[in-house]
Amino acid sequence: MFSITLSTILKIALAGILIYMYIIFITRLAGKRTFAKMSSFDFAITIAMGSILANAVNQPSKSFMSAVVALAILACLQVLFAKLVSSSQALENIATNSPVLLMKDGEIIENNLKKCLVSKSDLMAKLREANVLQLSEVKAVVFETTGDISVLHSSDKQTIDSEILEQVKSSH
């Protein structure tokens, strides 16, 4: 159960080094978005790539070359998808989630919380993380396409530029 041969250790170490260099190569070739979590789709692809990489390092004799091919295919598809989505608003609307407004001008939008499956305690935790002292300071809280929650707040009377909230759905 706890025995491992020197040969196995060397294979795993070599696979780890080669996969590490391959990740650098793929990232440089395909761009930073390859491992970014810009959307839920990007996040899913990143998880899939991580799983492939783990198998390649843990079982190099069985899955090393298939991992190299699979990563190359996923990276190419990721680049192609990003280019298609960035060039077509219609495809972007179909293929990606829209950010949703959870709070506006200090008011919680309860209906959007429910539809996004965000609890009020989760929202309050995010407000505390953002150092919000009073709900009246909150200009907007956005449930992003990545699943992150952005808090825009200020204690003065500044308003949010309309462009920042342009793609955000106010009702889900």
N, C-alpha and C. Protein backbone atom coordinates (compact mmCIF):
# COMPACT_ATOMS: atom_id res chain seq x y z
N MET A 1 0.82 -1.20 0.00
CA MET A 1 0.00 0.00 0.00
C MET A 1 0.86 1.26 0.00
N PHE A 2 1.94 1.27 0.76
CA PHE A 2 2.79 2.46 0.84
C PHE A 2 4.09 2.32 0.05
N SER A 3 4.24 1.23 -0.68
CA SER A 3 5.50 1.04 -1.41
C SER A 3 5.39 1.66 -2.80
N ILE A 4 6.48 2.27 -3.20
CA ILE A 4 6.56 2.88 -4.52
C ILE A 4 8.01 2.72 -4.98
N THR A 5 8.17 2.37 -6.22
CA THR A 5 9.52 2.13 -6.71
C THR A 5 10.17 3.44 -7.15
N LEU A 6 11.49 3.41 -7.19
CA LEU A 6 12.23 4.58 -7.66
C LEU A 6 11.86 4.89 -9.11
N SER A 7 11.66 3.86 -9.89
CA SER A 7 11.27 4.04 -11.29
C SER A 7 9.94 4.80 -11.41
N THR A 8 8.98 4.45 -10.57
CA THR A 8 7.68 5.12 -10.58
C THR A 8 7.83 6.58 -10.16
N ILE A 9 8.62 6.81 -9.13
CA ILE A 9 8.86 8.19 -8.67
C ILE A 9 9.48 9.02 -9.79
N LEU A 10 10.46 8.46 -10.49
CA LEU A 10 11.11 9.18 -11.58
C LEU A 10 10.14 9.46 -12.73
N LYS A 11 9.29 8.49 -13.05
CA LYS A 11 8.29 8.70 -14.11
C LYS A 11 7.33 9.83 -13.74
N ILE A 12 6.87 9.81 -12.50
CA ILE A 12 5.94 10.86 -12.05
C ILE A 12 6.64 12.22 -12.05
N ALA A 13 7.88 12.27 -11.58
CA ALA A 13 8.63 13.54 -11.55
C ALA A 13 8.84 14.06 -12.97
N LEU A 14 9.23 13.19 -13.89
CA LEU A 14 9.45 13.60 -15.28
C LEU A 14 8.13 14.07 -15.90
N ALA A 15 7.05 13.33 -15.65
CA ALA A 15 5.74 13.73 -16.19
C ALA A 15 5.34 15.09 -15.62
N GLY A 16 5.56 15.30 -14.35
CA GLY A 16 5.23 16.59 -13.73
C GLY A 16 5.99 17.73 -14.36
N ILE A 17 7.27 17.54 -14.58
CA ILE A 17 8.11 18.58 -15.20
C ILE A 17 7.65 18.85 -16.63
N LEU A 18 7.41 17.79 -17.39
CA LEU A 18 6.99 17.95 -18.79
C LEU A 18 5.60 18.60 -18.88
N ILE A 19 4.69 18.19 -18.02
CA ILE A 19 3.35 18.79 -18.02
C ILE A 19 3.44 20.26 -17.64
N TYR A 20 4.27 20.59 -16.66
CA TYR A 20 4.46 21.98 -16.24
C TYR A 20 4.94 22.83 -17.42
N MET A 21 5.94 22.33 -18.15
CA MET A 21 6.45 23.06 -19.31
C MET A 21 5.38 23.15 -20.40
N TYR A 22 4.59 22.10 -20.55
CA TYR A 22 3.53 22.09 -21.55
C TYR A 22 2.44 23.11 -21.20
N ILE A 23 2.11 23.23 -19.92
CA ILE A 23 1.12 24.24 -19.49
C ILE A 23 1.61 25.63 -19.85
N ILE A 24 2.89 25.90 -19.59
CA ILE A 24 3.45 27.21 -19.95
C ILE A 24 3.32 27.42 -21.46
N PHE A 25 3.67 26.41 -22.24
CA PHE A 25 3.59 26.50 -23.69
C PHE A 25 2.15 26.75 -24.16
N ILE A 26 1.21 25.95 -23.66
CA ILE A 26 -0.20 26.09 -24.06
C ILE A 26 -0.74 27.46 -23.67
N THR A 27 -0.41 27.91 -22.46
CA THR A 27 -0.89 29.21 -21.99
C THR A 27 -0.33 30.34 -22.84
N ARG A 28 0.93 30.25 -23.18
CA ARG A 28 1.54 31.29 -24.03
C ARG A 28 0.94 31.26 -25.43
N LEU A 29 0.69 30.07 -25.95
CA LEU A 29 0.15 29.92 -27.30
C LEU A 29 -1.33 30.33 -27.36
N ALA A 30 -2.12 29.85 -26.42
CA ALA A 30 -3.56 30.09 -26.46
C ALA A 30 -3.99 31.35 -25.73
N GLY A 31 -3.15 31.87 -24.87
CA GLY A 31 -3.48 33.08 -24.14
C GLY A 31 -3.91 32.80 -22.71
N LYS A 32 -3.96 33.87 -21.94
CA LYS A 32 -4.26 33.77 -20.52
C LYS A 32 -5.66 33.23 -20.26
N ARG A 33 -6.56 33.45 -21.17
CA ARG A 33 -7.95 33.02 -20.95
C ARG A 33 -8.06 31.51 -20.82
N THR A 34 -7.07 30.76 -21.32
CA THR A 34 -7.10 29.31 -21.26
C THR A 34 -7.37 28.80 -19.85
N PHE A 35 -6.81 29.45 -18.85
CA PHE A 35 -7.00 29.02 -17.46
C PHE A 35 -7.71 30.07 -16.63
N ALA A 36 -8.34 31.03 -17.27
CA ALA A 36 -9.08 32.07 -16.55
C ALA A 36 -10.49 31.59 -16.30
N LYS A 37 -11.13 32.12 -15.30
CA LYS A 37 -12.54 31.78 -15.10
C LYS A 37 -13.38 33.02 -15.39
N MET A 38 -13.46 33.35 -16.66
CA MET A 38 -14.21 34.51 -17.10
C MET A 38 -15.71 34.22 -17.08
N SER A 39 -16.08 32.98 -17.30
CA SER A 39 -17.50 32.60 -17.31
C SER A 39 -17.60 31.20 -16.70
N SER A 40 -18.82 30.73 -16.53
CA SER A 40 -19.00 29.37 -16.00
C SER A 40 -18.42 28.34 -16.96
N PHE A 41 -18.50 28.61 -18.26
CA PHE A 41 -17.91 27.71 -19.25
C PHE A 41 -16.39 27.66 -19.09
N ASP A 42 -15.75 28.82 -18.93
CA ASP A 42 -14.30 28.86 -18.72
C ASP A 42 -13.91 28.09 -17.47
N PHE A 43 -14.71 28.24 -16.43
CA PHE A 43 -14.44 27.55 -15.18
C PHE A 43 -14.51 26.03 -15.38
N ALA A 44 -15.53 25.57 -16.11
CA ALA A 44 -15.69 24.14 -16.37
C ALA A 44 -14.51 23.60 -17.18
N ILE A 45 -14.05 24.35 -18.16
CA ILE A 45 -12.90 23.93 -18.97
C ILE A 45 -11.64 23.87 -18.11
N THR A 46 -11.47 24.83 -17.21
CA THR A 46 -10.31 24.83 -16.31
C THR A 46 -10.32 23.60 -15.42
N ILE A 47 -11.48 23.22 -14.92
CA ILE A 47 -11.60 22.02 -14.08
C ILE A 47 -11.25 20.78 -14.90
N ALA A 48 -11.77 20.71 -16.13
CA ALA A 48 -11.49 19.56 -16.99
C ALA A 48 -9.99 19.46 -17.27
N MET A 49 -9.36 20.59 -17.55
CA MET A 49 -7.92 20.59 -17.80
C MET A 49 -7.15 20.13 -16.55
N GLY A 50 -7.59 20.58 -15.39
CA GLY A 50 -6.94 20.16 -14.15
C GLY A 50 -7.03 18.66 -13.94
N SER A 51 -8.18 18.10 -14.24
CA SER A 51 -8.36 16.66 -14.11
C SER A 51 -7.45 15.89 -15.07
N ILE A 52 -7.37 16.37 -16.29
CA ILE A 52 -6.50 15.75 -17.29
C ILE A 52 -5.04 15.82 -16.84
N LEU A 53 -4.65 16.98 -16.35
CA LEU A 53 -3.27 17.17 -15.88
C LEU A 53 -2.95 16.26 -14.70
N ALA A 54 -3.87 16.13 -13.78
CA ALA A 54 -3.65 15.26 -12.61
C ALA A 54 -3.46 13.81 -13.05
N ASN A 55 -4.28 13.35 -13.98
CA ASN A 55 -4.12 11.97 -14.47
C ASN A 55 -2.78 11.78 -15.17
N ALA A 56 -2.36 12.77 -15.92
CA ALA A 56 -1.09 12.66 -16.65
C ALA A 56 0.10 12.58 -15.70
N VAL A 57 0.04 13.30 -14.59
CA VAL A 57 1.15 13.27 -13.63
C VAL A 57 1.09 12.01 -12.77
N ASN A 58 -0.10 11.62 -12.35
CA ASN A 58 -0.23 10.46 -11.47
C ASN A 58 -0.07 9.12 -12.18
N GLN A 59 -0.41 9.06 -13.46
CA GLN A 59 -0.28 7.83 -14.22
C GLN A 59 0.38 8.12 -15.56
N PRO A 60 1.65 8.54 -15.53
CA PRO A 60 2.29 8.99 -16.78
C PRO A 60 2.38 7.92 -17.86
N SER A 61 2.58 6.67 -17.49
CA SER A 61 2.73 5.64 -18.52
C SER A 61 1.41 5.36 -19.22
N LYS A 62 0.26 5.64 -18.56
CA LYS A 62 -1.04 5.36 -19.15
C LYS A 62 -1.64 6.55 -19.89
N SER A 63 -1.40 7.78 -19.40
CA SER A 63 -2.18 8.89 -19.91
C SER A 63 -1.39 10.12 -20.34
N PHE A 64 -0.07 10.04 -20.43
CA PHE A 64 0.71 11.24 -20.71
C PHE A 64 0.41 11.80 -22.11
N MET A 65 0.53 10.99 -23.14
CA MET A 65 0.31 11.48 -24.50
C MET A 65 -1.14 11.84 -24.75
N SER A 66 -2.06 11.07 -24.18
CA SER A 66 -3.47 11.42 -24.36
C SER A 66 -3.77 12.76 -23.67
N ALA A 67 -3.09 13.04 -22.55
CA ALA A 67 -3.27 14.33 -21.87
C ALA A 67 -2.75 15.47 -22.73
N VAL A 68 -1.61 15.27 -23.36
CA VAL A 68 -1.04 16.31 -24.23
C VAL A 68 -2.02 16.64 -25.35
N VAL A 69 -2.57 15.62 -25.98
CA VAL A 69 -3.52 15.81 -27.08
C VAL A 69 -4.81 16.45 -26.56
N ALA A 70 -5.34 15.94 -25.45
CA ALA A 70 -6.59 16.48 -24.90
C ALA A 70 -6.44 17.95 -24.49
N LEU A 71 -5.33 18.30 -23.87
CA LEU A 71 -5.10 19.70 -23.49
C LEU A 71 -5.01 20.60 -24.71
N ALA A 72 -4.33 20.13 -25.74
CA ALA A 72 -4.22 20.93 -26.97
C ALA A 72 -5.60 21.15 -27.59
N ILE A 73 -6.42 20.09 -27.62
CA ILE A 73 -7.77 20.21 -28.19
C ILE A 73 -8.61 21.18 -27.36
N LEU A 74 -8.60 21.03 -26.03
CA LEU A 74 -9.38 21.93 -25.17
C LEU A 74 -8.91 23.38 -25.30
N ALA A 75 -7.60 23.58 -25.36
CA ALA A 75 -7.07 24.95 -25.50
C ALA A 75 -7.51 25.56 -26.84
N CYS A 76 -7.43 24.78 -27.91
CA CYS A 76 -7.87 25.27 -29.23
C CYS A 76 -9.36 25.59 -29.23
N LEU A 77 -10.16 24.70 -28.65
CA LEU A 77 -11.60 24.95 -28.57
C LEU A 77 -11.90 26.17 -27.72
N GLN A 78 -11.14 26.35 -26.65
CA GLN A 78 -11.33 27.51 -25.78
C GLN A 78 -11.04 28.80 -26.53
N VAL A 79 -9.96 28.82 -27.29
CA VAL A 79 -9.61 30.01 -28.09
C VAL A 79 -10.68 30.26 -29.14
N LEU A 80 -11.09 29.21 -29.84
CA LEU A 80 -12.12 29.34 -30.87
C LEU A 80 -13.42 29.86 -30.27
N PHE A 81 -13.85 29.28 -29.16
CA PHE A 81 -15.07 29.72 -28.49
C PHE A 81 -14.96 31.19 -28.08
N ALA A 82 -13.83 31.58 -27.49
CA ALA A 82 -13.63 32.97 -27.05
C ALA A 82 -13.70 33.93 -28.24
N LYS A 83 -13.09 33.54 -29.36
CA LYS A 83 -13.12 34.40 -30.55
C LYS A 83 -14.54 34.52 -31.11
N LEU A 84 -15.27 33.42 -31.16
CA LEU A 84 -16.64 33.45 -31.66
C LEU A 84 -17.55 34.29 -30.76
N VAL A 85 -17.44 34.09 -29.46
CA VAL A 85 -18.28 34.82 -28.52
C VAL A 85 -17.95 36.31 -28.52
N SER A 86 -16.66 36.64 -28.62
CA SER A 86 -16.29 38.06 -28.60
C SER A 86 -16.64 38.78 -29.90
N SER A 87 -16.89 38.02 -30.97
CA SER A 87 -17.22 38.65 -32.24
C SER A 87 -18.72 38.66 -32.54
N SER A 88 -19.51 37.97 -31.71
CA SER A 88 -20.95 37.89 -31.97
C SER A 88 -21.74 38.10 -30.69
N GLN A 89 -22.46 39.20 -30.61
CA GLN A 89 -23.29 39.48 -29.44
C GLN A 89 -24.39 38.44 -29.29
N ALA A 90 -24.95 37.98 -30.40
CA ALA A 90 -26.01 36.96 -30.35
C ALA A 90 -25.49 35.67 -29.74
N LEU A 91 -24.30 35.22 -30.17
CA LEU A 91 -23.71 34.00 -29.63
C LEU A 91 -23.35 34.18 -28.16
N GLU A 92 -22.86 35.36 -27.82
CA GLU A 92 -22.53 35.64 -26.42
C GLU A 92 -23.78 35.53 -25.54
N ASN A 93 -24.89 36.07 -26.03
CA ASN A 93 -26.15 36.00 -25.28
C ASN A 93 -26.62 34.56 -25.10
N ILE A 94 -26.41 33.72 -26.11
CA ILE A 94 -26.84 32.33 -26.06
C ILE A 94 -25.90 31.49 -25.18
N ALA A 95 -24.61 31.69 -25.33
CA ALA A 95 -23.62 30.79 -24.74
C ALA A 95 -23.14 31.17 -23.34
N THR A 96 -23.38 32.39 -22.92
CA THR A 96 -22.88 32.79 -21.61
C THR A 96 -23.99 33.33 -20.73
N ASN A 97 -23.76 33.28 -19.43
CA ASN A 97 -24.71 33.85 -18.47
C ASN A 97 -24.56 35.36 -18.46
N SER A 98 -25.59 36.03 -18.04
CA SER A 98 -25.52 37.47 -17.86
C SER A 98 -25.34 37.77 -16.38
N PRO A 99 -24.61 38.82 -16.06
CA PRO A 99 -24.53 39.21 -14.65
C PRO A 99 -25.90 39.71 -14.18
N VAL A 100 -26.18 39.54 -12.90
CA VAL A 100 -27.50 39.89 -12.34
C VAL A 100 -27.31 40.84 -11.17
N LEU A 101 -28.14 41.85 -11.12
CA LEU A 101 -28.11 42.84 -10.05
C LEU A 101 -28.79 42.27 -8.80
N LEU A 102 -28.06 42.26 -7.67
CA LEU A 102 -28.61 41.78 -6.41
C LEU A 102 -29.01 42.92 -5.48
N MET A 103 -28.35 44.07 -5.64
CA MET A 103 -28.67 45.26 -4.87
C MET A 103 -28.50 46.47 -5.77
N LYS A 104 -29.32 47.48 -5.54
CA LYS A 104 -29.19 48.74 -6.28
C LYS A 104 -29.53 49.87 -5.32
N ASP A 105 -28.63 50.83 -5.21
CA ASP A 105 -28.82 52.02 -4.36
C ASP A 105 -29.27 51.66 -2.94
N GLY A 106 -28.59 50.69 -2.34
CA GLY A 106 -28.86 50.32 -0.96
C GLY A 106 -30.03 49.39 -0.75
N GLU A 107 -30.75 49.04 -1.81
CA GLU A 107 -31.94 48.19 -1.71
C GLU A 107 -31.62 46.79 -2.22
N ILE A 108 -31.95 45.80 -1.43
CA ILE A 108 -31.75 44.40 -1.82
C ILE A 108 -32.87 43.99 -2.77
N ILE A 109 -32.52 43.34 -3.85
CA ILE A 109 -33.50 42.85 -4.82
C ILE A 109 -33.74 41.37 -4.49
N GLU A 110 -34.69 41.14 -3.60
CA GLU A 110 -34.97 39.81 -3.04
C GLU A 110 -35.26 38.78 -4.12
N ASN A 111 -36.03 39.18 -5.13
CA ASN A 111 -36.40 38.26 -6.20
C ASN A 111 -35.16 37.73 -6.93
N ASN A 112 -34.18 38.60 -7.17
CA ASN A 112 -32.95 38.17 -7.85
C ASN A 112 -32.10 37.29 -6.95
N LEU A 113 -32.10 37.57 -5.65
CA LEU A 113 -31.39 36.69 -4.71
C LEU A 113 -31.93 35.27 -4.82
N LYS A 114 -33.25 35.14 -4.81
CA LYS A 114 -33.89 33.82 -4.88
C LYS A 114 -33.58 33.12 -6.20
N LYS A 115 -33.71 33.86 -7.30
CA LYS A 115 -33.48 33.27 -8.62
C LYS A 115 -32.03 32.85 -8.83
N CYS A 116 -31.09 33.56 -8.19
CA CYS A 116 -29.67 33.24 -8.32
C CYS A 116 -29.19 32.29 -7.24
N LEU A 117 -30.11 31.90 -6.34
CA LEU A 117 -29.80 31.00 -5.23
C LEU A 117 -28.70 31.55 -4.32
N VAL A 118 -28.78 32.85 -4.07
CA VAL A 118 -27.86 33.52 -3.16
C VAL A 118 -28.66 33.88 -1.90
N SER A 119 -28.17 33.43 -0.76
CA SER A 119 -28.87 33.74 0.49
C SER A 119 -28.53 35.16 0.94
N LYS A 120 -29.40 35.69 1.77
CA LYS A 120 -29.16 37.03 2.32
C LYS A 120 -27.89 37.03 3.18
N SER A 121 -27.62 35.93 3.88
CA SER A 121 -26.40 35.86 4.70
C SER A 121 -25.15 35.84 3.82
N ASP A 122 -25.22 35.19 2.64
CA ASP A 122 -24.09 35.23 1.70
C ASP A 122 -23.86 36.65 1.21
N LEU A 123 -24.95 37.34 0.91
CA LEU A 123 -24.86 38.72 0.45
C LEU A 123 -24.24 39.59 1.53
N MET A 124 -24.68 39.44 2.76
CA MET A 124 -24.14 40.24 3.87
C MET A 124 -22.64 39.94 4.08
N ALA A 125 -22.26 38.69 3.91
CA ALA A 125 -20.84 38.33 4.03
C ALA A 125 -20.01 39.06 2.97
N LYS A 126 -20.52 39.14 1.75
CA LYS A 126 -19.82 39.86 0.69
C LYS A 126 -19.74 41.36 0.99
N LEU A 127 -20.80 41.90 1.55
CA LEU A 127 -20.78 43.32 1.92
C LEU A 127 -19.73 43.57 3.00
N ARG A 128 -19.65 42.66 3.97
CA ARG A 128 -18.63 42.82 5.02
C ARG A 128 -17.22 42.71 4.44
N GLU A 129 -17.01 41.76 3.51
CA GLU A 129 -15.70 41.61 2.86
C GLU A 129 -15.30 42.90 2.14
N ALA A 130 -16.30 43.61 1.61
CA ALA A 130 -16.04 44.85 0.87
C ALA A 130 -15.98 46.06 1.80
N ASN A 131 -16.02 45.81 3.10
CA ASN A 131 -15.95 46.89 4.11
C ASN A 131 -17.11 47.87 4.02
N VAL A 132 -18.28 47.38 3.67
CA VAL A 132 -19.48 48.21 3.66
C VAL A 132 -19.95 48.37 5.10
N LEU A 133 -20.16 49.60 5.51
CA LEU A 133 -20.61 49.87 6.88
C LEU A 133 -22.11 50.10 6.95
N GLN A 134 -22.69 50.62 5.88
CA GLN A 134 -24.13 50.87 5.83
C GLN A 134 -24.66 50.50 4.46
N LEU A 135 -25.85 49.93 4.44
CA LEU A 135 -26.45 49.55 3.15
C LEU A 135 -26.61 50.75 2.22
N SER A 136 -26.79 51.91 2.79
CA SER A 136 -26.95 53.12 1.97
C SER A 136 -25.69 53.46 1.18
N GLU A 137 -24.53 52.90 1.57
CA GLU A 137 -23.28 53.11 0.83
C GLU A 137 -23.23 52.29 -0.46
N VAL A 138 -24.05 51.25 -0.52
CA VAL A 138 -24.00 50.31 -1.65
C VAL A 138 -24.68 50.92 -2.87
N LYS A 139 -23.91 51.06 -3.92
CA LYS A 139 -24.46 51.56 -5.18
C LYS A 139 -25.04 50.39 -5.99
N ALA A 140 -24.31 49.25 -5.99
CA ALA A 140 -24.78 48.06 -6.70
C ALA A 140 -24.01 46.84 -6.20
N VAL A 141 -24.70 45.70 -6.22
CA VAL A 141 -24.07 44.41 -5.99
C VAL A 141 -24.44 43.55 -7.18
N VAL A 142 -23.43 42.98 -7.82
CA VAL A 142 -23.65 42.23 -9.06
C VAL A 142 -23.19 40.78 -8.88
N PHE A 143 -24.08 39.85 -9.21
CA PHE A 143 -23.75 38.43 -9.25
C PHE A 143 -23.16 38.19 -10.64
N GLU A 144 -21.84 38.03 -10.71
CA GLU A 144 -21.13 37.98 -11.99
C GLU A 144 -21.31 36.64 -12.69
N THR A 145 -20.95 36.59 -13.95
CA THR A 145 -21.08 35.37 -14.74
C THR A 145 -20.18 34.25 -14.21
N THR A 146 -19.15 34.60 -13.47
CA THR A 146 -18.22 33.62 -12.90
C THR A 146 -18.74 33.03 -11.60
N GLY A 147 -19.81 33.61 -11.05
CA GLY A 147 -20.30 33.19 -9.75
C GLY A 147 -19.77 34.09 -8.63
N ASP A 148 -18.86 34.98 -8.96
CA ASP A 148 -18.36 35.95 -7.98
C ASP A 148 -19.41 37.02 -7.74
N ILE A 149 -19.30 37.67 -6.60
CA ILE A 149 -20.20 38.78 -6.29
C ILE A 149 -19.37 40.05 -6.16
N SER A 150 -19.68 41.05 -6.98
CA SER A 150 -18.98 42.33 -6.95
C SER A 150 -19.81 43.34 -6.18
N VAL A 151 -19.13 44.09 -5.32
CA VAL A 151 -19.80 45.11 -4.52
C VAL A 151 -19.24 46.48 -4.92
N LEU A 152 -20.10 47.35 -5.40
CA LEU A 152 -19.72 48.71 -5.76
C LEU A 152 -20.31 49.64 -4.71
N HIS A 153 -19.42 50.31 -3.97
CA HIS A 153 -19.93 51.15 -2.89
C HIS A 153 -19.06 52.39 -2.70
N SER A 154 -19.67 53.39 -2.09
CA SER A 154 -18.99 54.64 -1.81
C SER A 154 -19.81 55.39 -0.77
N SER A 155 -19.12 56.11 0.12
CA SER A 155 -19.86 56.86 1.13
C SER A 155 -20.28 58.24 0.62
N ASP A 156 -19.74 58.65 -0.53
CA ASP A 156 -20.16 59.95 -1.07
C ASP A 156 -21.29 59.77 -2.09
N LYS A 157 -21.68 60.80 -2.74
CA LYS A 157 -22.85 60.79 -3.63
C LYS A 157 -22.51 60.44 -5.07
N GLN A 158 -21.35 59.82 -5.30
CA GLN A 158 -20.98 59.44 -6.66
C GLN A 158 -21.99 58.46 -7.24
N THR A 159 -22.16 58.54 -8.55
CA THR A 159 -23.02 57.58 -9.24
C THR A 159 -22.14 56.64 -10.06
N ILE A 160 -22.71 55.53 -10.44
CA ILE A 160 -21.99 54.54 -11.25
C ILE A 160 -22.16 54.90 -12.72
N ASP A 161 -21.06 54.91 -13.46
CA ASP A 161 -21.16 55.12 -14.91
C ASP A 161 -22.06 54.04 -15.50
N SER A 162 -22.95 54.42 -16.37
CA SER A 162 -23.92 53.47 -16.93
C SER A 162 -23.24 52.32 -17.67
N GLU A 163 -22.08 52.57 -18.24
CA GLU A 163 -21.37 51.53 -19.00
C GLU A 163 -20.98 50.34 -18.11
N ILE A 164 -20.70 50.61 -16.83
CA ILE A 164 -20.29 49.54 -15.91
C ILE A 164 -21.41 48.54 -15.70
N LEU A 165 -22.65 49.00 -15.69
CA LEU A 165 -23.80 48.11 -15.47
C LEU A 165 -24.57 47.81 -16.75
N GLU A 166 -23.98 48.11 -17.90
CA GLU A 166 -24.67 47.98 -19.18
C GLU A 166 -25.22 46.58 -19.44
N GLN A 167 -24.45 45.54 -19.19
CA GLN A 167 -24.87 44.16 -19.50
C GLN A 167 -25.55 43.47 -18.33
N VAL A 168 -25.70 44.15 -17.20
CA VAL A 168 -26.25 43.55 -15.99
C VAL A 168 -27.78 43.55 -16.05
N LYS A 169 -28.36 42.38 -15.78
CA LYS A 169 -29.82 42.26 -15.74
C LYS A 169 -30.31 42.76 -14.40
N SER A 170 -31.29 43.67 -14.43
CA SER A 170 -31.83 44.17 -13.17
C SER A 170 -32.92 43.25 -12.64
N SER A 171 -33.57 42.50 -13.50
CA SER A 171 -34.50 41.46 -13.03
C SER A 171 -34.16 40.19 -13.79
N HIS A 172 -34.11 39.12 -13.08
CA HIS A 172 -33.61 37.85 -13.61
C HIS A 172 -34.72 37.07 -14.28
